[in-house]
Amino acid sequence: MPIVARQLTPEGLAPLAYQADSLADAARFEPQGVYTITNTYPNLQALKLDAHLTRLEDSARREGIPLTLDRPRLRAALRQLIVESGYDVVRFRITVPAATPDQPVLTVEPFRPPAPEVYTQGIRCVTVTNARRDNPAAKTTGWMTQRRDVQNALPPGVTEGLLASPSGHLLEGLSSNFYAILGGVLHSAEAGVLAGIGRQVVYEVAPGIVPLSGEPVAVADIPRLAEAFITSASRGIVPVVEIDGLRIGDGAPGPLTRALRGAYGDWVSAHLEDI
């Protein structure tokens, strides 16, 4: 199914002069700027939409883009676009062009969640040292384009690349935050990474399950990791069972990851909001 893309102009939603089959395909047409991306739930609901918009404004500030969102108008336009698309549940992107920050681009596609085995069996990852965010705390369209090339070059069967710092620490995924359990502590880098919306939920539920640390683990620690996982707003918690060909734990989603996934799902169900 094709995406539906519009620009929110002073006169209302206006069509754009391109067609694409997916949000990933449409990325090549996106203007330079900043963006946020997530999915809806049935009945036009979303998770932490205001947090997405706050991070969008913060990303704009970090990129020197003057932006104060008219949130009620933006929400109304997003609702209108979703209804007009005819799709029940969607994945949507809001892009703020650097040249015209008062005219965001709204793009939607049908939401297809990951296959169940992604959660029951986990995913494989590799470390990446040839890519780095210029401004890691900002979610920019430039990084969206750069990471696509890196993602496309990942080995077969590998789902995500994990960015390693020059000092040899695991920072974040190409499109996710990364977490590792080492010595009974949940580690996730807080500096030099994008503050993910999914991570906000993890930080809400984790203290009752496992101690938290904002210090990243090192690449050299991979053989000693008990468990690992990534998060993103559209995928939630995804277990990682292998990094660079090294098995994590016993090679299956671990008990703490499973407990966190359950608590994460319960938190989401209790905190959905109308768009």
C-alpha atoms as a PDB file:
ATOM      1  CA  MET A   1       0.000   0.000   0.000  1.00  0.00           C
ATOM      2  CA  PRO A   2       1.349   3.463  -0.813  1.00  0.00           C
ATOM      3  CA  ILE A   3       2.114   6.021   1.838  1.00  0.00           C
ATOM      4  CA  VAL A   4       0.008   9.145   2.251  1.00  0.00           C
ATOM      5  CA  ALA A   5       2.063  12.332   2.555  1.00  0.00           C
ATOM      6  CA  ARG A   6       0.956  15.919   3.050  1.00  0.00           C
ATOM      7  CA  GLN A   7       2.474  19.221   4.090  1.00  0.00           C
ATOM      8  CA  LEU A   8       0.690  21.266   6.735  1.00  0.00           C
ATOM      9  CA  THR A   9       0.576  24.748   5.202  1.00  0.00           C
ATOM     10  CA  PRO A  10      -1.214  27.851   6.533  1.00  0.00           C
ATOM     11  CA  GLU A  11      -4.116  26.864   4.250  1.00  0.00           C
ATOM     12  CA  GLY A  12      -4.253  23.294   5.541  1.00  0.00           C
ATOM     13  CA  LEU A  13      -2.954  19.919   4.352  1.00  0.00           C
ATOM     14  CA  ALA A  14      -1.473  20.123   0.852  1.00  0.00           C
ATOM     15  CA  PRO A  15      -0.318  17.210  -1.358  1.00  0.00           C
ATOM     16  CA  LEU A  16       3.373  16.651  -2.051  1.00  0.00           C
ATOM     17  CA  ALA A  17       4.850  16.117  -5.508  1.00  0.00           C
ATOM     18  CA  TYR A  18       6.174  12.593  -4.974  1.00  0.00           C
ATOM     19  CA  GLN A  19       4.966   9.040  -4.462  1.00  0.00           C
ATOM     20  CA  ALA A  20       6.551   6.320  -2.342  1.00  0.00           C
ATOM     21  CA  ASP A  21       5.701   2.811  -1.214  1.00  0.00           C
ATOM     22  CA  SER A  22       6.891   3.171   2.390  1.00  0.00           C
ATOM     23  CA  LEU A  23       8.209   5.651   4.912  1.00  0.00           C
ATOM     24  CA  ALA A  24      11.666   4.209   4.294  1.00  0.00           C
ATOM     25  CA  ASP A  25      11.300   4.841   0.551  1.00  0.00           C
ATOM     26  CA  ALA A  26       9.955   8.349   1.182  1.00  0.00           C
ATOM     27  CA  ALA A  27      13.033   9.246   3.238  1.00  0.00           C
ATOM     28  CA  ARG A  28      14.906  10.141   0.045  1.00  0.00           C
ATOM     29  CA  PHE A  29      12.362  12.913  -0.605  1.00  0.00           C
ATOM     30  CA  GLU A  30      12.378  14.330   2.934  1.00  0.00           C
ATOM     31  CA  PRO A  31      13.657  17.900   3.281  1.00  0.00           C
ATOM     32  CA  GLN A  32      16.665  18.665   5.453  1.00  0.00           C
ATOM     33  CA  GLY A  33      15.462  19.079   9.005  1.00  0.00           C
ATOM     34  CA  VAL A  34      14.377  17.077  12.040  1.00  0.00           C
ATOM     35  CA  TYR A  35      11.697  14.458  12.539  1.00  0.00           C
ATOM     36  CA  THR A  36       9.975  12.023  14.847  1.00  0.00           C
ATOM     37  CA  ILE A  37       8.367   8.703  13.996  1.00  0.00           C
ATOM     38  CA  THR A  38       6.051   6.290  15.794  1.00  0.00           C
ATOM     39  CA  ASN A  39       2.851   4.310  15.351  1.00  0.00           C
ATOM     40  CA  THR A  40      -0.773   4.619  16.347  1.00  0.00           C
ATOM     41  CA  TYR A  41      -3.004   2.150  18.152  1.00  0.00           C
ATOM     42  CA  PRO A  42      -6.670   1.367  17.445  1.00  0.00           C
ATOM     43  CA  ASN A  43      -9.202   4.181  17.847  1.00  0.00           C
ATOM     44  CA  LEU A  44      -6.728   6.924  16.861  1.00  0.00           C
ATOM     45  CA  GLN A  45      -4.613   6.564  19.973  1.00  0.00           C
ATOM     46  CA  ALA A  46      -0.854   7.003  20.398  1.00  0.00           C
ATOM     47  CA  LEU A  47       1.802   6.609  23.073  1.00  0.00           C
ATOM     48  CA  LYS A  48       3.586   9.661  24.495  1.00  0.00           C
ATOM     49  CA  LEU A  49       2.799  11.866  21.505  1.00  0.00           C
ATOM     50  CA  ASP A  50       3.559  15.005  23.483  1.00  0.00           C
ATOM     51  CA  ALA A  51       6.960  13.539  24.370  1.00  0.00           C
ATOM     52  CA  HIS A  52       7.580  13.001  20.655  1.00  0.00           C
ATOM     53  CA  LEU A  53       6.661  16.624  19.945  1.00  0.00           C
ATOM     54  CA  THR A  54       8.816  17.899  22.806  1.00  0.00           C
ATOM     55  CA  ARG A  55      11.791  15.962  21.457  1.00  0.00           C
ATOM     56  CA  LEU A  56      11.021  17.302  17.976  1.00  0.00           C
ATOM     57  CA  GLU A  57      11.246  20.860  19.296  1.00  0.00           C
ATOM     58  CA  ASP A  58      14.435  19.982  21.180  1.00  0.00           C
ATOM     59  CA  SER A  59      15.983  18.449  18.048  1.00  0.00           C
ATOM     60  CA  ALA A  60      15.115  21.612  16.119  1.00  0.00           C
ATOM     61  CA  ARG A  61      16.738  23.782  18.794  1.00  0.00           C
ATOM     62  CA  ARG A  62      19.903  21.675  18.695  1.00  0.00           C
ATOM     63  CA  GLU A  63      20.007  22.093  14.900  1.00  0.00           C
ATOM     64  CA  GLY A  64      19.417  25.856  15.056  1.00  0.00           C
ATOM     65  CA  ILE A  65      15.898  25.612  13.613  1.00  0.00           C
ATOM     66  CA  PRO A  66      13.386  28.042  15.134  1.00  0.00           C
ATOM     67  CA  LEU A  67      10.343  25.967  16.060  1.00  0.00           C
ATOM     68  CA  THR A  68       7.350  26.281  18.332  1.00  0.00           C
ATOM     69  CA  LEU A  69       4.753  23.721  17.364  1.00  0.00           C
ATOM     70  CA  ASP A  70       1.058  24.511  17.278  1.00  0.00           C
ATOM     71  CA  ARG A  71       0.265  21.188  18.904  1.00  0.00           C
ATOM     72  CA  PRO A  72      -3.538  21.267  18.704  1.00  0.00           C
ATOM     73  CA  ARG A  73      -3.400  22.141  15.003  1.00  0.00           C
ATOM     74  CA  LEU A  74      -0.748  19.496  14.340  1.00  0.00           C
ATOM     75  CA  ARG A  75      -2.741  16.824  16.174  1.00  0.00           C
ATOM     76  CA  ALA A  76      -5.889  17.737  14.247  1.00  0.00           C
ATOM     77  CA  ALA A  77      -4.031  17.529  10.940  1.00  0.00           C
ATOM     78  CA  LEU A  78      -2.549  14.170  11.893  1.00  0.00           C
ATOM     79  CA  ARG A  79      -5.995  12.828  12.795  1.00  0.00           C
ATOM     80  CA  GLN A  80      -7.369  14.095   9.499  1.00  0.00           C
ATOM     81  CA  LEU A  81      -4.585  12.482   7.490  1.00  0.00           C
ATOM     82  CA  ILE A  82      -4.972   9.123   9.235  1.00  0.00           C
ATOM     83  CA  VAL A  83      -8.723   9.115   8.662  1.00  0.00           C
ATOM     84  CA  GLU A  84      -8.281  10.112   5.012  1.00  0.00           C
ATOM     85  CA  SER A  85      -5.673   7.382   4.491  1.00  0.00           C
ATOM     86  CA  GLY A  86      -8.232   4.712   5.290  1.00  0.00           C
ATOM     87  CA  TYR A  87      -5.642   2.764   7.291  1.00  0.00           C
ATOM     88  CA  ASP A  88      -6.783   1.535  10.695  1.00  0.00           C
ATOM     89  CA  VAL A  89      -3.426   1.619  12.486  1.00  0.00           C
ATOM     90  CA  VAL A  90      -0.517   3.538  10.999  1.00  0.00           C
ATOM     91  CA  ARG A  91       3.133   4.331  11.390  1.00  0.00           C
ATOM     92  CA  PHE A  92       3.641   8.046  10.945  1.00  0.00           C
ATOM     93  CA  ARG A  93       6.488  10.500  10.588  1.00  0.00           C
ATOM     94  CA  ILE A  94       6.423  14.219  11.335  1.00  0.00           C
ATOM     95  CA  THR A  95       9.250  16.094   9.630  1.00  0.00           C
ATOM     96  CA  VAL A  96      10.082  19.743  10.286  1.00  0.00           C
ATOM     97  CA  PRO A  97      11.945  21.250   7.302  1.00  0.00           C
ATOM     98  CA  ALA A  98      14.823  23.523   8.238  1.00  0.00           C
ATOM     99  CA  ALA A  99      13.788  25.963   5.507  1.00  0.00           C
ATOM    100  CA  THR A 100      10.085  26.119   6.454  1.00  0.00           C
ATOM    101  CA  PRO A 101       9.739  24.941  10.063  1.00  0.00           C
ATOM    102  CA  ASP A 102       6.180  26.265  10.251  1.00  0.00           C
ATOM    103  CA  GLN A 103       5.094  23.782   7.545  1.00  0.00           C
ATOM    104  CA  PRO A 104       5.755  20.238   8.792  1.00  0.00           C
ATOM    105  CA  VAL A 105       5.479  17.215   6.519  1.00  0.00           C
ATOM    106  CA  LEU A 106       3.171  14.426   7.723  1.00  0.00           C
ATOM    107  CA  THR A 107       3.582  10.941   6.287  1.00  0.00           C
ATOM    108  CA  VAL A 108       1.661   7.755   7.143  1.00  0.00           C
ATOM    109  CA  GLU A 109       1.789   4.103   6.119  1.00  0.00           C
ATOM    110  CA  PRO A 110      -0.027   1.011   7.400  1.00  0.00           C
ATOM    111  CA  PHE A 111       1.617  -0.209  10.604  1.00  0.00           C
ATOM    112  CA  ARG A 112       3.009  -3.715  10.419  1.00  0.00           C
ATOM    113  CA  PRO A 113       4.401  -4.839  13.793  1.00  0.00           C
ATOM    114  CA  PRO A 114       7.439  -7.107  13.903  1.00  0.00           C
ATOM    115  CA  ALA A 115       6.802 -10.832  13.533  1.00  0.00           C
ATOM    116  CA  PRO A 116       6.105 -12.620  16.858  1.00  0.00           C
ATOM    117  CA  GLU A 117       9.356 -14.584  16.642  1.00  0.00           C
ATOM    118  CA  VAL A 118      11.306 -11.330  16.874  1.00  0.00           C
ATOM    119  CA  TYR A 119      10.177 -11.184  20.499  1.00  0.00           C
ATOM    120  CA  THR A 120      10.165 -14.897  21.308  1.00  0.00           C
ATOM    121  CA  GLN A 121      13.502 -15.721  19.669  1.00  0.00           C
ATOM    122  CA  GLY A 122      15.334 -12.377  19.671  1.00  0.00           C
ATOM    123  CA  ILE A 123      17.472 -10.726  17.010  1.00  0.00           C
ATOM    124  CA  ARG A 124      21.104 -10.678  15.902  1.00  0.00           C
ATOM    125  CA  CYS A 125      23.156  -7.475  15.884  1.00  0.00           C
ATOM    126  CA  VAL A 126      26.628  -6.364  14.839  1.00  0.00           C
ATOM    127  CA  THR A 127      28.762  -3.468  16.030  1.00  0.00           C
ATOM    128  CA  VAL A 128      29.258  -0.536  13.659  1.00  0.00           C
ATOM    129  CA  THR A 129      32.301   1.738  13.752  1.00  0.00           C
ATOM    130  CA  ASN A 130      32.006   3.470  10.376  1.00  0.00           C
ATOM    131  CA  ALA A 131      28.988   5.650  11.202  1.00  0.00           C
ATOM    132  CA  ARG A 132      28.487   8.351  13.792  1.00  0.00           C
ATOM    133  CA  ARG A 133      25.845  10.958  14.498  1.00  0.00           C
ATOM    134  CA  ASP A 134      27.140  14.518  14.101  1.00  0.00           C
ATOM    135  CA  ASN A 135      24.594  15.692  16.666  1.00  0.00           C
ATOM    136  CA  PRO A 136      23.489  12.536  18.506  1.00  0.00           C
ATOM    137  CA  ALA A 137      20.871  14.218  20.704  1.00  0.00           C
ATOM    138  CA  ALA A 138      18.967  15.499  17.635  1.00  0.00           C
ATOM    139  CA  LYS A 139      16.811  13.300  15.401  1.00  0.00           C
ATOM    140  CA  THR A 140      17.782  14.627  11.963  1.00  0.00           C
ATOM    141  CA  THR A 141      16.804  13.668   8.433  1.00  0.00           C
ATOM    142  CA  GLY A 142      20.495  13.641   7.550  1.00  0.00           C
ATOM    143  CA  TRP A 143      21.079  10.737   9.934  1.00  0.00           C
ATOM    144  CA  MET A 144      17.986   9.008   8.557  1.00  0.00           C
ATOM    145  CA  THR A 145      19.641   8.981   5.122  1.00  0.00           C
ATOM    146  CA  GLN A 146      23.107   8.073   6.394  1.00  0.00           C
ATOM    147  CA  ARG A 147      21.932   5.155   8.510  1.00  0.00           C
ATOM    148  CA  ARG A 148      19.907   3.696   5.611  1.00  0.00           C
ATOM    149  CA  ASP A 149      23.114   2.988   3.699  1.00  0.00           C
ATOM    150  CA  VAL A 150      24.699   1.366   6.770  1.00  0.00           C
ATOM    151  CA  GLN A 151      21.556  -0.672   7.460  1.00  0.00           C
ATOM    152  CA  ASN A 152      21.444  -1.928   3.888  1.00  0.00           C
ATOM    153  CA  ALA A 153      25.038  -3.142   4.222  1.00  0.00           C
ATOM    154  CA  LEU A 154      24.423  -5.275   7.324  1.00  0.00           C
ATOM    155  CA  PRO A 155      25.107  -9.008   6.925  1.00  0.00           C
ATOM    156  CA  PRO A 156      22.174 -11.315   6.104  1.00  0.00           C
ATOM    157  CA  GLY A 157      20.155 -12.237   9.175  1.00  0.00           C
ATOM    158  CA  VAL A 158      21.350  -9.236  11.159  1.00  0.00           C
ATOM    159  CA  THR A 159      18.547  -6.899  12.227  1.00  0.00           C
ATOM    160  CA  GLU A 160      20.334  -3.952  13.814  1.00  0.00           C
ATOM    161  CA  GLY A 161      23.724  -2.269  13.855  1.00  0.00           C
ATOM    162  CA  LEU A 162      25.023  -1.039  17.214  1.00  0.00           C
ATOM    163  CA  LEU A 163      27.112   2.121  17.141  1.00  0.00           C
ATOM    164  CA  ALA A 164      30.426   1.748  18.960  1.00  0.00           C
ATOM    165  CA  SER A 165      32.222   4.844  20.239  1.00  0.00           C
ATOM    166  CA  PRO A 166      35.902   5.536  19.537  1.00  0.00           C
ATOM    167  CA  SER A 167      36.556   4.414  23.118  1.00  0.00           C
ATOM    168  CA  GLY A 168      34.961   1.055  22.380  1.00  0.00           C
ATOM    169  CA  HIS A 169      31.622   1.498  24.168  1.00  0.00           C
ATOM    170  CA  LEU A 170      28.227   0.425  22.798  1.00  0.00           C
ATOM    171  CA  LEU A 171      26.089   3.550  22.472  1.00  0.00           C
ATOM    172  CA  GLU A 172      22.848   2.907  20.551  1.00  0.00           C
ATOM    173  CA  GLY A 173      21.382   1.150  17.557  1.00  0.00           C
ATOM    174  CA  LEU A 174      21.033   2.650  14.105  1.00  0.00           C
ATOM    175  CA  SER A 175      17.336   3.165  14.869  1.00  0.00           C
ATOM    176  CA  SER A 176      17.062   2.190  18.519  1.00  0.00           C
ATOM    177  CA  ASN A 177      18.404   2.547  22.037  1.00  0.00           C
ATOM    178  CA  PHE A 178      20.571  -0.310  23.312  1.00  0.00           C
ATOM    179  CA  TYR A 179      20.602  -1.960  26.741  1.00  0.00           C
ATOM    180  CA  ALA A 180      22.743  -4.668  28.302  1.00  0.00           C
ATOM    181  CA  ILE A 181      22.521  -6.513  31.598  1.00  0.00           C
ATOM    182  CA  LEU A 182      25.944  -7.010  33.151  1.00  0.00           C
ATOM    183  CA  GLY A 183      26.547  -7.987  36.752  1.00  0.00           C
ATOM    184  CA  GLY A 184      22.844  -7.775  37.537  1.00  0.00           C
ATOM    185  CA  VAL A 185      22.639  -4.107  36.401  1.00  0.00           C
ATOM    186  CA  LEU A 186      20.820  -2.723  33.334  1.00  0.00           C
ATOM    187  CA  HIS A 187      23.227  -0.490  31.406  1.00  0.00           C
ATOM    188  CA  SER A 188      22.206   1.997  28.702  1.00  0.00           C
ATOM    189  CA  ALA A 189      24.267   4.947  27.490  1.00  0.00           C
ATOM    190  CA  GLU A 190      22.806   8.311  28.441  1.00  0.00           C
ATOM    191  CA  ALA A 191      25.473  10.519  26.832  1.00  0.00           C
ATOM    192  CA  GLY A 192      26.138  10.688  23.108  1.00  0.00           C
ATOM    193  CA  VAL A 193      22.820   9.074  22.118  1.00  0.00           C
ATOM    194  CA  LEU A 194      19.305  10.068  21.133  1.00  0.00           C
ATOM    195  CA  ALA A 195      16.875  10.123  24.049  1.00  0.00           C
ATOM    196  CA  GLY A 196      14.429   7.532  22.773  1.00  0.00           C
ATOM    197  CA  ILE A 197      10.738   7.616  23.641  1.00  0.00           C
ATOM    198  CA  GLY A 198      10.755   3.870  24.248  1.00  0.00           C
ATOM    199  CA  ARG A 199      13.621   4.403  26.673  1.00  0.00           C
ATOM    200  CA  GLN A 200      11.419   6.732  28.716  1.00  0.00           C
ATOM    201  CA  VAL A 201       9.038   3.818  29.260  1.00  0.00           C
ATOM    202  CA  VAL A 202      11.898   1.464  30.157  1.00  0.00           C
ATOM    203  CA  TYR A 203      13.084   3.966  32.758  1.00  0.00           C
ATOM    204  CA  GLU A 204       9.559   4.062  34.190  1.00  0.00           C
ATOM    205  CA  VAL A 205       9.247   0.297  34.651  1.00  0.00           C
ATOM    206  CA  ALA A 206      12.813  -0.916  35.174  1.00  0.00           C
ATOM    207  CA  PRO A 207      13.484   0.273  38.762  1.00  0.00           C
ATOM    208  CA  GLY A 208      11.048  -2.295  40.128  1.00  0.00           C
ATOM    209  CA  ILE A 209      12.785  -5.090  38.205  1.00  0.00           C
ATOM    210  CA  VAL A 210      16.507  -4.360  37.834  1.00  0.00           C
ATOM    211  CA  PRO A 211      18.956  -1.586  38.909  1.00  0.00           C
ATOM    212  CA  LEU A 212      19.731   1.016  36.236  1.00  0.00           C
ATOM    213  CA  SER A 213      23.018   2.565  35.136  1.00  0.00           C
ATOM    214  CA  GLY A 214      23.571   5.328  32.572  1.00  0.00           C
ATOM    215  CA  GLU A 215      27.047   3.996  31.797  1.00  0.00           C
ATOM    216  CA  PRO A 216      27.392   2.009  28.554  1.00  0.00           C
ATOM    217  CA  VAL A 217      29.011  -1.398  28.381  1.00  0.00           C
ATOM    218  CA  ALA A 218      32.133  -1.913  26.300  1.00  0.00           C
ATOM    219  CA  VAL A 219      32.463  -3.982  23.151  1.00  0.00           C
ATOM    220  CA  ALA A 220      34.934  -6.074  25.152  1.00  0.00           C
ATOM    221  CA  ASP A 221      32.114  -6.859  27.622  1.00  0.00           C
ATOM    222  CA  ILE A 222      29.934  -8.611  25.012  1.00  0.00           C
ATOM    223  CA  PRO A 223      31.036 -12.159  25.966  1.00  0.00           C
ATOM    224  CA  ARG A 224      30.075 -11.444  29.595  1.00  0.00           C
ATOM    225  CA  LEU A 225      26.624  -9.961  28.973  1.00  0.00           C
ATOM    226  CA  ALA A 226      23.785 -11.866  30.615  1.00  0.00           C
ATOM    227  CA  GLU A 227      21.070 -10.279  28.452  1.00  0.00           C
ATOM    228  CA  ALA A 228      20.633  -7.463  25.949  1.00  0.00           C
ATOM    229  CA  PHE A 229      17.829  -5.733  24.100  1.00  0.00           C
ATOM    230  CA  ILE A 230      16.958  -2.686  22.019  1.00  0.00           C
ATOM    231  CA  THR A 231      13.958  -0.370  22.120  1.00  0.00           C
ATOM    232  CA  SER A 232      12.177   1.927  19.725  1.00  0.00           C
ATOM    233  CA  ALA A 233       8.773   3.565  19.905  1.00  0.00           C
ATOM    234  CA  SER A 234       7.302   1.332  17.197  1.00  0.00           C
ATOM    235  CA  ARG A 235       8.845  -1.951  18.347  1.00  0.00           C
ATOM    236  CA  GLY A 236       8.960  -1.685  22.130  1.00  0.00           C
ATOM    237  CA  ILE A 237      11.505  -4.019  23.748  1.00  0.00           C
ATOM    238  CA  VAL A 238      13.216  -6.391  21.302  1.00  0.00           C
ATOM    239  CA  PRO A 239      15.542  -9.037  22.805  1.00  0.00           C
ATOM    240  CA  VAL A 240      19.091  -9.281  21.403  1.00  0.00           C
ATOM    241  CA  VAL A 241      20.541 -12.800  21.483  1.00  0.00           C
ATOM    242  CA  GLU A 242      23.735 -12.337  19.467  1.00  0.00           C
ATOM    243  CA  ILE A 243      26.234  -9.523  18.850  1.00  0.00           C
ATOM    244  CA  ASP A 244      29.134  -9.899  16.403  1.00  0.00           C
ATOM    245  CA  GLY A 245      28.512 -13.650  16.278  1.00  0.00           C
ATOM    246  CA  LEU A 246      28.818 -13.949  20.078  1.00  0.00           C
ATOM    247  CA  ARG A 247      25.875 -15.487  21.894  1.00  0.00           C
ATOM    248  CA  ILE A 248      24.296 -13.371  24.626  1.00  0.00           C
ATOM    249  CA  GLY A 249      23.528 -15.423  27.730  1.00  0.00           C
ATOM    250  CA  ASP A 250      22.048 -18.746  26.686  1.00  0.00           C
ATOM    251  CA  GLY A 251      21.091 -17.441  23.249  1.00  0.00           C
ATOM    252  CA  ALA A 252      17.432 -16.803  24.093  1.00  0.00           C
ATOM    253  CA  PRO A 253      15.528 -13.826  25.544  1.00  0.00           C
ATOM    254  CA  GLY A 254      16.474 -13.726  29.232  1.00  0.00           C
ATOM    255  CA  PRO A 255      14.200 -13.577  32.283  1.00  0.00           C
ATOM    256  CA  LEU A 256      14.822  -9.902  33.055  1.00  0.00           C
ATOM    257  CA  THR A 257      14.195  -8.918  29.438  1.00  0.00           C
ATOM    258  CA  ARG A 258      10.950 -10.897  29.476  1.00  0.00           C
ATOM    259  CA  ALA A 259       9.904  -9.256  32.756  1.00  0.00           C
ATOM    260  CA  LEU A 260      10.701  -5.811  31.370  1.00  0.00           C
ATOM    261  CA  ARG A 261       8.722  -6.581  28.205  1.00  0.00           C
ATOM    262  CA  GLY A 262       5.688  -7.530  30.278  1.00  0.00           C
ATOM    263  CA  ALA A 263       5.926  -4.400  32.413  1.00  0.00           C
ATOM    264  CA  TYR A 264       6.515  -2.274  29.314  1.00  0.00           C
ATOM    265  CA  GLY A 265       3.368  -3.639  27.644  1.00  0.00           C
ATOM    266  CA  ASP A 266       1.288  -3.057  30.770  1.00  0.00           C
ATOM    267  CA  TRP A 267       2.568   0.530  31.037  1.00  0.00           C
ATOM    268  CA  VAL A 268       1.757   1.231  27.395  1.00  0.00           C
ATOM    269  CA  SER A 269      -1.773  -0.151  27.726  1.00  0.00           C
ATOM    270  CA  ALA A 270      -2.407   2.099  30.715  1.00  0.00           C
ATOM    271  CA  HIS A 271      -1.020   5.272  29.108  1.00  0.00           C
ATOM    272  CA  LEU A 272      -2.384   5.449  25.556  1.00  0.00           C
ATOM    273  CA  GLU A 273      -3.811   8.845  24.652  1.00  0.00           C
ATOM    274  CA  ASP A 274      -6.117  10.187  21.961  1.00  0.00           C
ATOM    275  CA  ILE A 275      -4.354  11.916  19.105  1.00  0.00           C
END
